C-alpha cells in the first residue's frame, strides 16, 4: 500500500476532460456554459465505501461534474468496486491511498450505513479531511456522515450542523439545526438523499458562483415554480400484486447514473425486487457523467424472468443504446401485449414512442425529448401515469417518479415512510 500512496491521484487528465466536456456541450442535457478553461480546474474528492448511500454519492459526483469540476470518486476499501447501501455496485475512479498527497478544493462525504463508518475508519481519509479543514478549504458531509465521521474526527467544533434526523442525537446538542442545508464557514452539511441535490448545488455555488449554480439547477429540472405539477394520472389502473413486485431496470453506456440509482435505491427501500440489467457486452457500464455501474446481470440473463414493471432510465446516448437491444425490444413488446406495466424517464420515452408503446397514451419526457413524442403530451407535469404506463421528465424529478411507482404498488402509507427515510418532501395526499 505504501507504493500506492506515492502515485498521483487520477484526477481526470486535461485532454480526457476536454473531450468529455466537448461531448457534454453537444448534449442537450449538459450546461451551455462552464467555468473558463483558462482557470485551474476545481478538484473534488467524493470518498465511498461499503454501504455508502448511492444516491448521495452519485448525485454529488454527477452535479459537480456537470458544473465543470474534476471529481474523483475514491474507494476507502481495498478494491475499487463497492456495494452501496441499497445493493448498487459502483466502481470508484481511485483508491483513497492514491489521493493522500493531492490537494482538493472540496472533500464531500456521502452518508449511508455502514458507509459512514467505513469512511470514519479510513485514516487516510481522516488525514485528508482534517488537513482540508485546517487549511480552510471546503469540506462537507451529508446524512449519517456528519455525526458518524466528522464528529469523531473533531471537525464539527464551533460549527452549526445538520444531518439525517435518525442521527441528530449524535450531533453537538447546541449547534444542531433542522435545515436541509447548513453552511458554517468551510463546512457544509445536509440531511439525506432527498436533500442531495441542494447539497451538491450548494457546493457548485461555493466553487463556481450563483450563475453556474442556477444554470446547472435549471439543467437538472429542479423545481423553481410552484405551479408545476408533480404528478397526474389518467385511465387509472390497479397496480397491486399478491407478491413482491419484480422490476427490471435496463442500463447501457451513457445512461443517466442519477436516474438509475434513484430508481433502484428508492424501489429497493420500498422492498421491491429490482434487477439492474446491462444491454452491453459487459455488465459494467460507463454512465453519462463517467460513473461506472456494475449491473446485476446481462439483459440476456435477465430475459428469462417475467417482470411486473420494466422502466427505462434516460440519457441521450444511453437511450440510443437501449433502443438497439433486440432482447429489450422483445421484452417491452411482450410487456405491452400481456397488459403489464412499463415506462421511462428523461429521453427514454422516445424509445417507447418508436416501438408504438405510447399509442393512445398521455406521456411526458425531458424538455429536449418532448418534440419526439407524437401523441398526447403533457410537458407541465413531472410524472404522468396513464393506465399501465408511467413516464417522467427525468433528472431532478426522478425521486417523484420513483415514489409514484411505490405509491401505485403499495399505497400512500409506505410511500410516505420511504420519503421520510430519505428526507424528501412528499405530498400528504
Protein backbone atom coordinates (compact mmCIF):
# COMPACT_ATOMS: atom_id res chain seq x y z
CA UNK A 1 0.00 0.00 0.00
CA UNK A 2 2.95 2.35 0.60
CA UNK A 3 3.72 2.30 -3.10
CA UNK A 4 0.13 3.21 -3.89
CA UNK A 5 0.33 6.30 -1.70
CA UNK A 6 3.09 7.72 -3.90
CA UNK A 7 1.04 7.52 -7.08
CA UNK A 8 -0.75 10.73 -8.08
CA UNK A 9 -4.50 10.66 -7.61
CA UNK A 10 -6.04 10.03 -11.05
CA UNK A 11 -7.99 13.25 -11.35
CA UNK A 12 -9.23 13.28 -14.95
CA UNK A 13 -6.45 14.26 -17.30
CA UNK A 14 -6.87 17.57 -19.07
CA UNK A 15 -7.16 16.05 -22.51
CA UNK A 16 -9.69 13.44 -21.33
CA UNK A 17 -11.71 16.08 -19.54
CA UNK A 18 -11.65 18.31 -22.63
CA UNK A 19 -13.09 15.50 -24.74
CA UNK A 20 -15.71 14.80 -22.08
CA UNK A 21 -16.78 18.43 -21.84
CA UNK A 22 -16.88 18.72 -25.64
CA UNK A 23 -19.19 15.72 -25.71
CA UNK A 24 -21.36 17.26 -22.99
CA UNK A 25 -21.62 20.53 -24.93
CA UNK A 26 -23.14 18.62 -27.80
CA UNK A 27 -25.66 17.03 -25.46
CA UNK A 28 -28.87 18.93 -24.72
CA UNK A 29 -28.75 17.71 -21.09
CA UNK A 30 -25.42 19.46 -20.38
CA UNK A 31 -24.97 23.06 -19.21
CA UNK A 32 -24.48 25.52 -22.04
CA UNK A 33 -21.67 27.34 -20.23
CA UNK A 34 -18.97 26.18 -17.85
CA UNK A 35 -16.16 27.88 -15.95
CA UNK A 36 -13.40 29.22 -18.22
CA UNK A 37 -10.94 26.56 -19.30
CA UNK A 38 -8.12 29.08 -18.69
CA UNK A 39 -8.75 28.80 -14.95
CA UNK A 40 -7.39 25.90 -12.86
CA UNK A 41 -9.88 23.07 -12.60
CA UNK A 42 -11.64 22.67 -9.28
CA UNK A 43 -10.69 19.33 -7.75
CA UNK A 44 -13.28 17.44 -5.74
CA UNK A 45 -12.97 14.24 -3.71
CA UNK A 46 -16.04 12.09 -3.03
CA UNK A 47 -15.00 9.06 -0.94
CA UNK A 48 -17.13 5.91 -0.88
CA UNK A 49 -17.07 2.61 0.95
CA UNK A 50 -19.13 -0.49 1.60
CA UNK A 51 -22.67 0.68 2.34
CA UNK A 52 -22.29 4.29 1.19
CA UNK A 53 -25.58 5.88 0.14
CA UNK A 54 -25.56 5.61 -3.64
CA UNK A 55 -27.96 8.46 -4.29
CA UNK A 56 -25.87 10.88 -2.25
CA UNK A 57 -22.55 9.78 -3.76
CA UNK A 58 -23.71 9.72 -7.38
CA UNK A 59 -25.69 12.96 -7.21
CA UNK A 60 -22.63 14.73 -5.77
CA UNK A 61 -20.36 13.37 -8.49
CA UNK A 62 -22.82 13.97 -11.32
CA UNK A 63 -23.83 17.52 -10.39
CA UNK A 64 -20.28 18.70 -9.73
CA UNK A 65 -19.02 17.20 -13.00
CA UNK A 66 -21.80 18.98 -14.87
CA UNK A 67 -20.59 22.22 -13.30
CA UNK A 68 -17.08 21.64 -14.65
CA UNK A 69 -15.27 20.18 -11.63
CA UNK A 70 -12.78 17.33 -11.84
CA UNK A 71 -14.34 14.86 -9.42
CA UNK A 72 -12.66 11.73 -8.11
CA UNK A 73 -14.81 9.06 -6.52
CA UNK A 74 -12.32 7.26 -4.27
CA UNK A 75 -12.84 3.92 -2.53
CA UNK A 76 -11.77 3.55 1.09
CA UNK A 77 -11.92 -0.22 0.59
CA UNK A 78 -9.00 -2.38 -0.69
CA UNK A 79 -10.72 -2.58 -4.09
CA UNK A 80 -12.32 -0.09 -6.46
CA UNK A 81 -15.72 -1.80 -6.65
CA UNK A 82 -18.02 -1.15 -3.70
CA UNK A 83 -21.53 -2.35 -2.93
CA UNK A 84 -23.59 0.66 -1.87
CA UNK A 85 -26.33 0.75 0.76
CA UNK A 86 -29.16 -0.46 -1.50
CA UNK A 87 -27.04 -3.00 -3.34
CA UNK A 88 -25.96 -0.98 -6.37
CA UNK A 89 -22.37 -1.76 -7.34
CA UNK A 90 -20.22 1.28 -8.12
CA UNK A 91 -16.65 1.27 -9.40
CA UNK A 92 -14.56 4.11 -7.96
CA UNK A 93 -12.05 6.10 -10.01
CA UNK A 94 -9.25 5.60 -7.47
CA UNK A 95 -8.29 4.13 -4.14
CA UNK A 96 -8.17 6.62 -1.27
CA UNK A 97 -4.47 5.83 -0.85
CA UNK A 98 -3.88 7.21 -4.35
CA UNK A 99 -5.26 10.56 -3.19
CA UNK A 100 -3.27 11.03 0.02
CA UNK A 101 -0.91 13.65 -1.42
CA UNK A 102 -3.46 15.57 -3.51
CA UNK A 103 -4.88 18.98 -2.66
CA UNK A 104 -8.63 19.31 -3.20
CA UNK A 105 -10.86 22.33 -3.42
CA UNK A 106 -13.64 20.26 -1.85
CA UNK A 107 -13.93 17.00 0.08
CA UNK A 108 -17.58 15.84 0.34
CA UNK A 109 -18.62 12.74 2.27
CA UNK A 110 -21.82 10.84 1.41
CA UNK A 111 -23.69 9.06 4.20
CA UNK A 112 -25.32 5.66 4.36
CA UNK A 113 -24.69 2.85 6.81
CA UNK A 114 -22.30 1.19 7.24
CA UNK A 115 -20.77 3.51 4.64
CA UNK A 116 -20.27 6.40 7.05
CA UNK A 117 -18.43 4.13 9.49
CA UNK A 118 -16.21 2.82 6.70
CA UNK A 119 -15.31 6.42 5.85
CA UNK A 120 -14.73 7.21 9.54
CA UNK A 121 -12.33 4.28 9.91
CA UNK A 122 -10.15 5.34 6.97
CA UNK A 123 -7.10 7.04 8.48
CA UNK A 124 -6.06 8.35 5.07
CA UNK A 125 -9.46 9.99 4.55
CA UNK A 126 -9.37 11.38 8.08
CA UNK A 127 -5.98 12.96 7.39
CA UNK A 128 -7.15 14.40 4.06
CA UNK A 129 -10.32 15.88 5.55
CA UNK A 130 -8.60 17.20 8.69
CA UNK A 131 -5.99 18.95 6.56
CA UNK A 132 -8.80 20.32 4.40
CA UNK A 133 -10.43 21.89 7.46
CA UNK A 134 -7.17 23.17 8.93
CA UNK A 135 -6.26 24.90 5.67
CA UNK A 136 -9.73 26.48 5.37
CA UNK A 137 -10.74 24.67 2.19
CA UNK A 138 -14.27 23.44 1.59
CA UNK A 139 -15.45 20.18 3.12
CA UNK A 140 -18.84 18.68 3.84
CA UNK A 141 -20.91 15.67 4.76
CA UNK A 142 -24.49 14.51 4.38
CA UNK A 143 -26.90 12.17 6.14
CA UNK A 144 -25.10 9.98 8.72
CA UNK A 145 -21.61 11.23 7.81
CA UNK A 146 -21.60 14.46 9.90
CA UNK A 147 -22.34 12.55 13.10
CA UNK A 148 -20.56 9.28 12.34
CA UNK A 149 -17.39 10.56 10.60
CA UNK A 150 -16.84 14.29 11.10
CA UNK A 151 -17.70 14.45 14.79
CA UNK A 152 -15.23 11.72 15.90
CA UNK A 153 -12.58 13.49 13.81
CA UNK A 154 -13.25 16.72 15.73
CA UNK A 155 -14.32 18.59 12.62
CA UNK A 156 -17.67 19.88 13.91
CA UNK A 157 -16.28 22.01 16.74
CA UNK A 158 -17.75 25.51 16.73
CA UNK A 159 -19.90 24.71 13.68
CA UNK A 160 -23.65 24.73 13.17
CA UNK A 161 -24.51 21.42 11.53
CA UNK A 162 -27.37 19.34 10.24
CA UNK A 163 -27.70 15.66 9.35
CA UNK A 164 -30.16 12.82 8.99
CA UNK A 165 -32.89 13.01 11.67
CA UNK A 166 -32.00 9.48 12.85
CA UNK A 167 -28.53 10.73 13.83
CA UNK A 168 -29.46 14.12 15.28
CA UNK A 169 -28.85 12.90 18.85
CA UNK A 170 -25.22 12.24 17.89
CA UNK A 171 -24.63 15.82 16.75
CA UNK A 172 -23.46 18.62 19.09
CA UNK A 173 -26.63 19.48 21.03
CA UNK A 174 -26.48 23.27 20.94
CA UNK A 175 -25.35 23.59 17.34
CA UNK A 176 -27.54 21.03 15.57
CA UNK A 177 -30.17 22.52 13.23
CA UNK A 178 -33.03 21.06 11.19
CA UNK A 179 -32.35 22.85 7.89
CA UNK A 180 -31.82 20.86 4.69
CA UNK A 181 -28.52 22.66 4.11
CA UNK A 182 -26.27 24.27 6.70
CA UNK A 183 -23.22 26.26 5.63
CA UNK A 184 -20.89 27.10 8.52
CA UNK A 185 -17.65 28.60 7.27
CA UNK A 186 -15.86 25.99 5.15
CA UNK A 187 -18.20 23.22 6.34
CA UNK A 188 -21.47 22.36 4.60
CA UNK A 189 -23.80 19.65 5.94
CA UNK A 190 -27.10 18.24 4.73
CA UNK A 191 -29.82 15.83 5.83
CA UNK A 192 -30.16 12.91 3.41
CA UNK A 193 -30.74 11.56 -0.10
CA UNK A 194 -33.78 13.78 -0.57
CA UNK A 195 -31.63 16.88 0.01
CA UNK A 196 -28.64 15.68 -2.03
CA UNK A 197 -29.40 17.95 -5.00
CA UNK A 198 -29.48 21.00 -2.72
CA UNK A 199 -26.25 19.81 -1.09
CA UNK A 200 -24.47 19.38 -4.43
CA UNK A 201 -25.75 22.69 -5.82
CA UNK A 202 -24.58 24.47 -2.66
CA UNK A 203 -21.06 23.32 -3.49
CA UNK A 204 -21.47 24.40 -7.12
CA UNK A 205 -22.42 27.84 -5.83
CA UNK A 206 -19.45 27.99 -3.46
CA UNK A 207 -16.96 26.78 -6.07
CA UNK A 208 -18.27 28.47 -9.22
CA UNK A 209 -20.76 31.17 -8.19
CA UNK A 210 -24.51 31.77 -8.33
CA UNK A 211 -24.75 31.88 -12.12
CA UNK A 212 -23.34 28.40 -12.67
CA UNK A 213 -25.40 27.01 -9.76
CA UNK A 214 -28.61 28.44 -11.24
CA UNK A 215 -27.74 27.15 -14.70
CA UNK A 216 -26.95 23.63 -13.50
CA UNK A 217 -30.10 23.66 -11.36
CA UNK A 218 -32.11 24.52 -14.46
CA UNK A 219 -30.49 21.71 -16.45
CA UNK A 220 -31.40 19.32 -13.62
CA UNK A 221 -35.07 20.43 -13.81
CA UNK A 222 -35.00 21.50 -10.18
CA UNK A 223 -38.37 22.90 -9.17
CA UNK A 224 -38.42 26.66 -9.26
CA UNK A 225 -42.08 27.40 -9.80
CA UNK A 226 -44.87 26.28 -7.51
CA UNK A 227 -47.27 25.97 -10.44
CA UNK A 228 -45.51 22.92 -11.87
CA UNK A 229 -47.45 19.68 -11.29
CA UNK A 230 -45.65 16.78 -9.68
CA UNK A 231 -47.98 14.04 -10.91
CA UNK A 232 -51.09 13.41 -12.99
CA UNK A 233 -52.93 10.15 -13.60
CA UNK A 234 -55.20 9.15 -16.49
CA UNK A 235 -57.25 5.99 -17.02
CA UNK A 236 -56.50 4.75 -13.53
CA UNK A 237 -55.50 1.08 -13.32
CA UNK A 238 -54.76 -1.21 -10.40
CA UNK A 239 -51.05 -1.96 -9.87
CA UNK A 240 -51.47 -4.11 -6.76
CA UNK A 241 -49.84 -7.53 -6.55
CA UNK A 242 -50.18 -10.55 -4.29
CA UNK A 243 -46.40 -10.93 -4.22
CA UNK A 244 -43.35 -8.69 -4.10
CA UNK A 245 -43.29 -6.71 -7.36
CA UNK A 246 -40.47 -7.61 -9.76
CA UNK A 247 -38.93 -4.67 -11.64
CA UNK A 248 -36.38 -4.59 -14.46
CA UNK A 249 -34.15 -1.51 -14.94
CA UNK A 250 -32.08 -1.94 -18.12
CA UNK A 251 -28.93 0.18 -18.42
CA UNK A 252 -26.35 0.97 -21.09
CA UNK A 253 -23.24 3.05 -21.64
CA UNK A 254 -24.44 6.63 -21.45
CA UNK A 255 -27.45 6.00 -19.20
CA UNK A 256 -28.09 8.74 -16.65
CA UNK A 257 -26.44 7.45 -13.47
CA UNK A 258 -28.54 9.65 -11.20
CA UNK A 259 -31.73 8.25 -12.68
CA UNK A 260 -30.54 4.67 -12.36
CA UNK A 261 -29.52 4.96 -8.72
CA UNK A 262 -32.58 6.95 -7.64
CA UNK A 263 -34.94 4.45 -9.27
CA UNK A 264 -33.19 1.39 -7.87
CA UNK A 265 -32.45 2.80 -4.41
CA UNK A 266 -35.98 4.07 -3.74
CA UNK A 267 -37.70 0.96 -5.08
CA UNK A 268 -35.46 -1.32 -3.04
CA UNK A 269 -36.15 0.76 0.07
CA UNK A 270 -39.83 0.00 -0.54
CA UNK A 271 -38.98 -3.75 -0.64
CA UNK A 272 -39.38 -4.12 -4.40
CA UNK A 273 -37.30 -6.80 -6.13
CA UNK A 274 -35.24 -4.80 -8.64
CA UNK A 275 -32.92 -6.27 -11.28
CA UNK A 276 -30.43 -3.97 -12.99
CA UNK A 277 -29.52 -5.46 -16.38
CA UNK A 278 -26.87 -4.31 -18.85
CA UNK A 279 -27.62 -4.35 -22.58
CA UNK A 280 -23.88 -4.09 -23.27
CA UNK A 281 -21.45 -6.98 -23.74
CA UNK A 282 -20.11 -6.26 -20.25
CA UNK A 283 -22.22 -5.95 -17.12
CA UNK A 284 -20.16 -2.87 -16.20
CA UNK A 285 -21.31 0.29 -17.94
CA UNK A 286 -19.95 3.83 -18.05
CA UNK A 287 -22.81 6.22 -17.43
CA UNK A 288 -23.36 9.70 -18.87
CA UNK A 289 -21.14 11.56 -16.40
CA UNK A 290 -18.48 8.82 -16.32
CA UNK A 291 -19.71 6.97 -13.23
CA UNK A 292 -19.13 3.23 -13.56
CA UNK A 293 -22.02 0.97 -12.54
CA UNK A 294 -21.96 -2.82 -12.42
CA UNK A 295 -25.32 -4.36 -13.32
CA UNK A 296 -26.73 -7.37 -11.51
CA UNK A 297 -26.74 -9.36 -14.75
CA UNK A 298 -26.84 -9.09 -18.53
CA UNK A 299 -30.11 -8.42 -20.35
CA UNK A 300 -29.83 -11.89 -21.83
CA UNK A 301 -29.67 -13.49 -18.37
CA UNK A 302 -32.46 -11.23 -17.13
CA UNK A 303 -34.79 -12.02 -20.03
CA UNK A 304 -35.96 -15.37 -18.67
CA UNK A 305 -37.97 -13.71 -15.88
CA UNK A 306 -41.37 -12.06 -16.07
CA UNK A 307 -41.39 -8.53 -14.65
CA UNK A 308 -44.31 -6.59 -13.26
CA UNK A 309 -42.65 -3.37 -14.41
CA UNK A 310 -39.91 -2.56 -16.92
CA UNK A 311 -38.68 1.01 -16.52
CA UNK A 312 -36.06 2.71 -18.69
CA UNK A 313 -33.68 5.40 -17.42
CA UNK A 314 -32.72 8.26 -19.72
CA UNK A 315 -29.52 9.74 -21.06
CA UNK A 316 -29.31 10.54 -24.77
CA UNK A 317 -26.51 8.10 -25.58
CA UNK A 318 -27.87 5.52 -23.16
CA UNK A 319 -31.36 5.65 -24.66
CA UNK A 320 -29.96 5.12 -28.14
CA UNK A 321 -28.09 2.03 -26.96
CA UNK A 322 -31.13 0.67 -25.12
CA UNK A 323 -33.11 1.07 -28.32
CA UNK A 324 -30.63 -1.14 -30.19
CA UNK A 325 -31.14 -4.09 -27.83
CA UNK A 326 -33.26 -6.72 -29.59
CA UNK A 327 -33.84 -8.52 -26.32
CA UNK A 328 -35.13 -5.37 -24.64
CA UNK A 329 -37.41 -4.63 -27.61
CA UNK A 330 -38.85 -8.11 -27.31
CA UNK A 331 -39.36 -7.76 -23.54
CA UNK A 332 -41.14 -4.41 -23.95
CA UNK A 333 -43.40 -5.75 -26.68
CA UNK A 334 -44.34 -8.74 -24.52
CA UNK A 335 -44.88 -6.42 -21.56
CA UNK A 336 -47.41 -4.37 -23.53
CA UNK A 337 -49.21 -7.39 -25.00
CA UNK A 338 -49.50 -9.05 -21.58
CA UNK A 339 -51.00 -5.93 -20.03
CA UNK A 340 -48.07 -5.46 -17.65
CA UNK A 341 -46.57 -2.14 -16.58
CA UNK A 342 -43.77 -0.29 -18.39
CA UNK A 343 -42.33 3.19 -18.54
CA UNK A 344 -39.39 5.53 -18.95
CA UNK A 345 -37.93 8.84 -17.85
CA UNK A 346 -36.00 11.67 -19.45
CA UNK A 347 -35.12 10.79 -23.08
CA UNK A 348 -36.26 7.15 -22.91
CA UNK A 349 -39.98 7.77 -23.61
CA UNK A 350 -38.81 8.41 -27.18
CA UNK A 351 -37.82 4.71 -27.29
CA UNK A 352 -41.32 3.74 -26.24
CA UNK A 353 -42.67 6.09 -28.91
CA UNK A 354 -40.66 4.41 -31.68
CA UNK A 355 -41.90 0.99 -30.60
CA UNK A 356 -45.52 2.11 -30.67
CA UNK A 357 -45.88 1.80 -26.91
CA UNK A 358 -47.27 5.31 -26.39
CA UNK A 359 -50.22 4.93 -28.76
CA UNK A 360 -53.40 6.46 -27.27
CA UNK A 361 -51.44 7.37 -24.14
CA UNK A 362 -50.62 10.65 -22.40
CA UNK A 363 -46.88 10.92 -21.74
CA UNK A 364 -44.11 13.29 -20.74
CA UNK A 365 -40.35 13.37 -21.20
CA UNK A 366 -37.32 15.60 -20.79
CA UNK A 367 -37.95 19.01 -22.43
CA UNK A 368 -35.38 18.20 -25.13
CA UNK A 369 -37.17 14.94 -25.99
CA UNK A 370 -40.77 16.18 -25.88
CA UNK A 371 -40.75 17.06 -29.59
CA UNK A 372 -40.09 13.40 -30.41
CA UNK A 373 -43.39 12.34 -28.83
CA UNK A 374 -46.11 12.50 -31.45
CA UNK A 375 -49.08 11.53 -29.30
CA UNK A 376 -50.71 13.29 -26.33
CA UNK A 377 -48.01 15.17 -24.44
CA UNK A 378 -48.05 16.93 -21.09
CA UNK A 379 -44.89 19.00 -20.68
CA UNK A 380 -46.06 20.74 -17.50
CA UNK A 381 -46.06 17.67 -15.26
CA UNK A 382 -43.11 15.78 -13.79
CA UNK A 383 -44.76 12.35 -13.70
CA UNK A 384 -47.59 11.02 -15.89
CA UNK A 385 -49.35 7.73 -15.19
CA UNK A 386 -51.72 6.51 -17.90
CA UNK A 387 -53.09 3.08 -17.07
CA UNK A 388 -50.12 0.69 -17.13
CA UNK A 389 -47.70 3.32 -18.48
CA UNK A 390 -45.56 5.71 -16.40
CA UNK A 391 -43.33 8.44 -17.85
CA UNK A 392 -41.31 11.22 -16.26
CA UNK A 393 -39.26 14.29 -17.12
CA UNK A 394 -36.10 12.88 -15.51
CA UNK A 395 -33.04 14.09 -13.59
CA UNK A 396 -34.14 16.16 -10.59
CA UNK A 397 -37.71 14.84 -10.81
CA UNK A 398 -36.85 11.12 -10.59
CA UNK A 399 -37.42 10.89 -6.83
CA UNK A 400 -41.03 11.91 -7.50
CA UNK A 401 -41.13 9.37 -10.33
CA UNK A 402 -39.82 6.50 -8.18
CA UNK A 403 -42.12 7.38 -5.29
CA UNK A 404 -45.08 7.48 -7.69
CA UNK A 405 -44.28 3.84 -8.54
CA UNK A 406 -44.10 2.96 -4.83
CA UNK A 407 -47.45 4.66 -4.30
CA UNK A 408 -49.07 2.65 -7.10
CA UNK A 409 -47.61 -0.60 -5.78
CA UNK A 410 -48.19 -0.15 -2.06
CA UNK A 411 -50.23 2.98 -1.31
CA UNK A 412 -49.59 6.27 0.44
CA UNK A 413 -48.50 4.98 3.84
CA UNK A 414 -45.46 3.08 2.61
CA UNK A 415 -44.64 5.83 0.13
CA UNK A 416 -44.57 8.45 2.84
CA UNK A 417 -42.48 6.15 5.03
CA UNK A 418 -39.88 5.78 2.25
CA UNK A 419 -39.95 9.53 1.59
CA UNK A 420 -39.44 10.27 5.27
CA UNK A 421 -36.48 7.88 5.36
CA UNK A 422 -34.71 9.76 2.57
CA UNK A 423 -35.79 13.18 3.96
CA UNK A 424 -37.82 14.00 0.87
CA UNK A 425 -40.79 16.38 0.89
CA UNK A 426 -43.64 14.21 -0.39
CA UNK A 427 -47.26 15.41 -0.72
CA UNK A 428 -49.61 14.40 2.09
CA UNK A 429 -52.28 13.14 -0.29
